[in-house]
Amino acid sequence: MEKNPLCSCGRGKDVEGMNKVNMWKPLAPYVTRIALSPLFAVSYLETVGRDPEAYRCFVCRGKGKPKLKMCTVCKKVRYCSSECQKKDWKVHKLRCKA
């Protein structure tokens, strides 16, 4: 408990701004610079989204014949065939919104 768990390589460096404010000045020698990496993907640095190959048919969980078709109204549900889309229509039309 006596040891400081923070890295000391940046301790007290780049604190000129803190030294100008009387309230922060006493703390300046103890400030440590650190870099935190984001825990989640950020859209301005990397693509955020799912791999198109990972999508499956909402009804049968198939990968598509040859390609998945998306609901043209809500664009949230995908089907591998017209048959699967017809099977799900009674349920889906209640939730489908533009």
N, C-alpha and C. Protein backbone atom coordinates (compact mmCIF):
# COMPACT_ATOMS: atom_id res chain seq x y z
N MET A 1 0.81 -1.20 0.00
CA MET A 1 0.00 0.00 0.00
C MET A 1 0.86 1.27 0.00
N GLU A 2 2.11 1.17 0.44
CA GLU A 2 2.95 2.36 0.49
C GLU A 2 3.45 2.77 -0.88
N LYS A 3 3.55 1.81 -1.80
CA LYS A 3 4.09 2.12 -3.12
C LYS A 3 3.02 2.69 -4.03
N ASN A 4 3.44 3.63 -4.87
CA ASN A 4 2.54 4.23 -5.85
C ASN A 4 2.44 3.28 -7.05
N PRO A 5 1.24 2.85 -7.44
CA PRO A 5 1.10 1.89 -8.53
C PRO A 5 1.26 2.50 -9.92
N LEU A 6 1.31 3.82 -10.01
CA LEU A 6 1.41 4.47 -11.31
C LEU A 6 2.85 4.55 -11.79
N CYS A 7 3.02 4.54 -13.07
CA CYS A 7 4.33 4.67 -13.70
C CYS A 7 4.94 6.02 -13.34
N SER A 8 6.24 6.05 -13.09
CA SER A 8 6.89 7.30 -12.71
C SER A 8 7.63 7.95 -13.88
N CYS A 9 7.59 7.33 -15.08
CA CYS A 9 8.37 7.87 -16.20
C CYS A 9 7.91 9.26 -16.63
N GLY A 10 6.64 9.60 -16.42
CA GLY A 10 6.16 10.92 -16.80
C GLY A 10 5.82 11.80 -15.63
N ARG A 11 6.15 11.36 -14.44
CA ARG A 11 5.76 12.10 -13.24
C ARG A 11 6.41 13.48 -13.20
N GLY A 12 5.56 14.50 -13.06
CA GLY A 12 6.07 15.86 -12.94
C GLY A 12 6.51 16.50 -14.24
N LYS A 13 6.27 15.87 -15.38
CA LYS A 13 6.67 16.42 -16.68
C LYS A 13 5.49 17.08 -17.36
N ASP A 14 5.76 18.10 -18.13
CA ASP A 14 4.74 18.85 -18.88
C ASP A 14 3.66 19.40 -17.96
N VAL A 15 4.05 20.00 -16.86
CA VAL A 15 3.09 20.53 -15.90
C VAL A 15 3.16 22.05 -15.80
N GLU A 16 3.70 22.69 -16.85
CA GLU A 16 3.82 24.15 -16.80
C GLU A 16 2.46 24.81 -16.59
N GLY A 17 1.44 24.28 -17.23
CA GLY A 17 0.10 24.84 -17.08
C GLY A 17 -0.41 24.73 -15.66
N MET A 18 -0.12 23.62 -15.02
CA MET A 18 -0.55 23.42 -13.63
C MET A 18 0.18 24.37 -12.68
N ASN A 19 1.44 24.64 -12.97
CA ASN A 19 2.23 25.52 -12.11
C ASN A 19 1.72 26.96 -12.15
N LYS A 20 0.96 27.32 -13.17
CA LYS A 20 0.43 28.67 -13.29
C LYS A 20 -0.82 28.89 -12.45
N VAL A 21 -1.45 27.79 -12.02
CA VAL A 21 -2.68 27.89 -11.23
C VAL A 21 -2.35 27.51 -9.79
N ASN A 22 -2.53 28.45 -8.88
CA ASN A 22 -2.14 28.24 -7.47
C ASN A 22 -2.78 27.00 -6.86
N MET A 23 -4.02 26.73 -7.21
CA MET A 23 -4.72 25.59 -6.63
C MET A 23 -4.10 24.25 -7.08
N TRP A 24 -3.59 24.21 -8.32
CA TRP A 24 -3.03 22.97 -8.86
C TRP A 24 -1.53 22.82 -8.63
N LYS A 25 -0.86 23.92 -8.34
CA LYS A 25 0.60 23.92 -8.21
C LYS A 25 1.14 22.86 -7.23
N PRO A 26 0.54 22.67 -6.05
CA PRO A 26 1.08 21.67 -5.12
C PRO A 26 0.97 20.23 -5.66
N LEU A 27 0.06 20.00 -6.58
CA LEU A 27 -0.13 18.65 -7.11
C LEU A 27 0.74 18.34 -8.32
N ALA A 28 1.29 19.36 -8.95
CA ALA A 28 2.06 19.21 -10.18
C ALA A 28 3.18 18.16 -10.10
N PRO A 29 3.94 18.08 -9.02
CA PRO A 29 5.02 17.09 -8.98
C PRO A 29 4.53 15.63 -8.99
N TYR A 30 3.28 15.44 -8.68
CA TYR A 30 2.75 14.07 -8.58
C TYR A 30 1.96 13.62 -9.81
N VAL A 31 1.77 14.53 -10.74
CA VAL A 31 0.99 14.22 -11.93
C VAL A 31 1.78 13.28 -12.83
N THR A 32 1.12 12.26 -13.32
CA THR A 32 1.74 11.31 -14.24
C THR A 32 0.97 11.29 -15.54
N ARG A 33 1.67 11.42 -16.64
CA ARG A 33 1.04 11.34 -17.96
C ARG A 33 0.80 9.87 -18.29
N ILE A 34 -0.37 9.57 -18.78
CA ILE A 34 -0.66 8.21 -19.20
C ILE A 34 -1.43 8.24 -20.51
N ALA A 35 -1.40 7.15 -21.22
CA ALA A 35 -2.17 7.01 -22.45
C ALA A 35 -3.13 5.85 -22.26
N LEU A 36 -4.40 6.11 -22.43
CA LEU A 36 -5.41 5.06 -22.31
C LEU A 36 -5.94 4.72 -23.70
N SER A 37 -5.92 3.46 -24.02
CA SER A 37 -6.48 3.07 -25.31
C SER A 37 -7.98 2.91 -25.15
N PRO A 38 -8.73 3.19 -26.20
CA PRO A 38 -10.19 3.05 -26.09
C PRO A 38 -10.59 1.60 -25.89
N LEU A 39 -11.61 1.38 -25.08
CA LEU A 39 -12.09 0.02 -24.83
C LEU A 39 -12.95 -0.49 -25.97
N PHE A 40 -13.53 0.43 -26.73
CA PHE A 40 -14.41 0.05 -27.81
C PHE A 40 -13.92 0.69 -29.10
N ALA A 41 -14.30 0.11 -30.21
CA ALA A 41 -13.91 0.68 -31.50
C ALA A 41 -14.53 2.07 -31.64
N VAL A 42 -13.77 2.96 -32.21
CA VAL A 42 -14.28 4.30 -32.46
C VAL A 42 -14.35 4.50 -33.96
N SER A 43 -15.48 4.98 -34.44
CA SER A 43 -15.77 5.02 -35.87
C SER A 43 -14.80 5.89 -36.66
N TYR A 44 -14.18 6.89 -36.05
CA TYR A 44 -13.27 7.73 -36.80
C TYR A 44 -11.87 7.11 -36.95
N LEU A 45 -11.61 6.01 -36.25
CA LEU A 45 -10.32 5.34 -36.37
C LEU A 45 -10.40 4.01 -37.11
N GLU A 46 -11.49 3.31 -36.96
CA GLU A 46 -11.61 2.00 -37.58
C GLU A 46 -13.07 1.71 -37.94
N THR A 47 -13.25 0.78 -38.81
CA THR A 47 -14.59 0.42 -39.23
C THR A 47 -15.34 -0.23 -38.08
N VAL A 48 -16.53 0.28 -37.82
CA VAL A 48 -17.35 -0.28 -36.77
C VAL A 48 -18.52 -0.97 -37.44
N GLY A 49 -18.70 -2.21 -37.14
CA GLY A 49 -19.79 -2.94 -37.75
C GLY A 49 -19.47 -4.41 -37.83
N ARG A 50 -20.39 -5.11 -38.35
CA ARG A 50 -20.25 -6.55 -38.45
C ARG A 50 -19.69 -6.96 -39.79
N ASP A 51 -18.97 -8.03 -39.80
CA ASP A 51 -18.47 -8.62 -41.03
C ASP A 51 -19.68 -9.11 -41.83
N PRO A 52 -19.84 -8.66 -43.09
CA PRO A 52 -20.99 -9.10 -43.88
C PRO A 52 -21.10 -10.62 -44.00
N GLU A 53 -20.00 -11.31 -43.89
CA GLU A 53 -20.02 -12.77 -43.96
C GLU A 53 -20.64 -13.39 -42.70
N ALA A 54 -20.73 -12.63 -41.63
CA ALA A 54 -21.24 -13.16 -40.37
C ALA A 54 -22.77 -13.15 -40.30
N TYR A 55 -23.43 -12.44 -41.20
CA TYR A 55 -24.89 -12.38 -41.18
C TYR A 55 -25.49 -13.71 -41.60
N ARG A 56 -26.64 -14.03 -41.00
CA ARG A 56 -27.34 -15.27 -41.30
C ARG A 56 -28.82 -14.99 -41.49
N CYS A 57 -29.48 -15.94 -42.13
CA CYS A 57 -30.93 -15.85 -42.35
C CYS A 57 -31.64 -15.82 -41.00
N PHE A 58 -32.62 -14.93 -40.86
CA PHE A 58 -33.35 -14.77 -39.62
C PHE A 58 -34.18 -16.02 -39.29
N VAL A 59 -34.58 -16.77 -40.31
CA VAL A 59 -35.46 -17.92 -40.11
C VAL A 59 -34.67 -19.22 -39.93
N CYS A 60 -33.83 -19.55 -40.91
CA CYS A 60 -33.16 -20.86 -40.88
C CYS A 60 -31.68 -20.77 -40.48
N ARG A 61 -31.16 -19.56 -40.28
CA ARG A 61 -29.77 -19.32 -39.91
C ARG A 61 -28.79 -19.69 -41.01
N GLY A 62 -29.30 -19.85 -42.26
CA GLY A 62 -28.43 -20.14 -43.40
C GLY A 62 -27.67 -18.90 -43.84
N LYS A 63 -26.64 -19.12 -44.67
CA LYS A 63 -25.80 -18.01 -45.11
C LYS A 63 -26.29 -17.32 -46.37
N GLY A 64 -27.29 -17.85 -47.02
CA GLY A 64 -27.80 -17.20 -48.23
C GLY A 64 -27.59 -18.06 -49.45
N LYS A 65 -28.52 -17.93 -50.42
CA LYS A 65 -28.47 -18.74 -51.64
C LYS A 65 -28.63 -17.84 -52.85
N PRO A 66 -27.67 -17.27 -53.46
CA PRO A 66 -26.25 -17.19 -53.08
C PRO A 66 -25.96 -16.06 -52.11
N LYS A 67 -26.92 -15.16 -51.93
CA LYS A 67 -26.67 -13.97 -51.10
C LYS A 67 -27.91 -13.70 -50.25
N LEU A 68 -27.71 -13.16 -49.05
CA LEU A 68 -28.85 -12.82 -48.20
C LEU A 68 -29.61 -11.63 -48.76
N LYS A 69 -30.92 -11.68 -48.61
CA LYS A 69 -31.78 -10.58 -49.05
C LYS A 69 -32.26 -9.86 -47.80
N MET A 70 -32.22 -8.54 -47.83
CA MET A 70 -32.61 -7.73 -46.68
C MET A 70 -34.05 -7.25 -46.86
N CYS A 71 -34.77 -7.13 -45.76
CA CYS A 71 -36.12 -6.57 -45.81
C CYS A 71 -36.00 -5.17 -46.40
N THR A 72 -36.76 -4.89 -47.44
CA THR A 72 -36.64 -3.61 -48.13
C THR A 72 -37.28 -2.46 -47.35
N VAL A 73 -38.11 -2.77 -46.36
CA VAL A 73 -38.76 -1.72 -45.58
C VAL A 73 -37.90 -1.29 -44.40
N CYS A 74 -37.60 -2.24 -43.48
CA CYS A 74 -36.85 -1.87 -42.27
C CYS A 74 -35.34 -2.04 -42.40
N LYS A 75 -34.91 -2.85 -43.34
CA LYS A 75 -33.48 -3.12 -43.58
C LYS A 75 -32.75 -3.67 -42.35
N LYS A 76 -33.50 -4.37 -41.48
CA LYS A 76 -32.90 -4.92 -40.26
C LYS A 76 -32.85 -6.44 -40.27
N VAL A 77 -33.72 -7.08 -41.05
CA VAL A 77 -33.83 -8.53 -41.04
C VAL A 77 -33.37 -9.05 -42.40
N ARG A 78 -32.64 -10.17 -42.39
CA ARG A 78 -32.13 -10.76 -43.63
C ARG A 78 -32.67 -12.18 -43.79
N TYR A 79 -32.91 -12.53 -45.04
CA TYR A 79 -33.43 -13.86 -45.36
C TYR A 79 -32.58 -14.47 -46.47
N CYS A 80 -32.45 -15.81 -46.41
CA CYS A 80 -31.66 -16.49 -47.43
C CYS A 80 -32.47 -16.74 -48.70
N SER A 81 -33.79 -16.74 -48.58
CA SER A 81 -34.63 -17.02 -49.75
C SER A 81 -36.01 -16.40 -49.57
N SER A 82 -36.75 -16.38 -50.66
CA SER A 82 -38.14 -15.87 -50.60
C SER A 82 -38.99 -16.75 -49.71
N GLU A 83 -38.70 -18.05 -49.69
CA GLU A 83 -39.46 -18.98 -48.85
C GLU A 83 -39.33 -18.61 -47.37
N CYS A 84 -38.12 -18.34 -46.93
CA CYS A 84 -37.90 -17.97 -45.53
C CYS A 84 -38.57 -16.63 -45.22
N GLN A 85 -38.52 -15.71 -46.15
CA GLN A 85 -39.16 -14.42 -45.93
C GLN A 85 -40.67 -14.59 -45.78
N LYS A 86 -41.27 -15.46 -46.61
CA LYS A 86 -42.72 -15.72 -46.54
C LYS A 86 -43.09 -16.39 -45.22
N LYS A 87 -42.24 -17.30 -44.74
CA LYS A 87 -42.50 -17.98 -43.47
C LYS A 87 -42.54 -16.99 -42.30
N ASP A 88 -41.70 -15.98 -42.36
CA ASP A 88 -41.57 -15.04 -41.25
C ASP A 88 -42.49 -13.82 -41.37
N TRP A 89 -43.15 -13.64 -42.52
CA TRP A 89 -43.86 -12.39 -42.76
C TRP A 89 -44.95 -12.08 -41.73
N LYS A 90 -45.72 -13.06 -41.30
CA LYS A 90 -46.81 -12.80 -40.35
C LYS A 90 -46.27 -12.18 -39.06
N VAL A 91 -45.16 -12.65 -38.59
CA VAL A 91 -44.54 -12.13 -37.36
C VAL A 91 -43.79 -10.83 -37.65
N HIS A 92 -43.04 -10.82 -38.74
CA HIS A 92 -42.19 -9.67 -39.04
C HIS A 92 -43.00 -8.41 -39.36
N LYS A 93 -44.13 -8.56 -40.03
CA LYS A 93 -44.88 -7.36 -40.43
C LYS A 93 -45.39 -6.57 -39.21
N LEU A 94 -45.54 -7.24 -38.08
CA LEU A 94 -45.96 -6.54 -36.86
C LEU A 94 -44.85 -5.64 -36.30
N ARG A 95 -43.60 -6.02 -36.55
CA ARG A 95 -42.45 -5.27 -36.03
C ARG A 95 -41.77 -4.39 -37.07
N CYS A 96 -42.07 -4.63 -38.33
CA CYS A 96 -41.36 -3.96 -39.42
C CYS A 96 -41.80 -2.50 -39.53
N LYS A 97 -40.80 -1.61 -39.43
CA LYS A 97 -41.06 -0.18 -39.54
C LYS A 97 -40.04 0.44 -40.47
N ALA A 98 -40.45 1.43 -41.19
CA ALA A 98 -39.55 2.11 -42.12
C ALA A 98 -38.57 3.00 -41.40
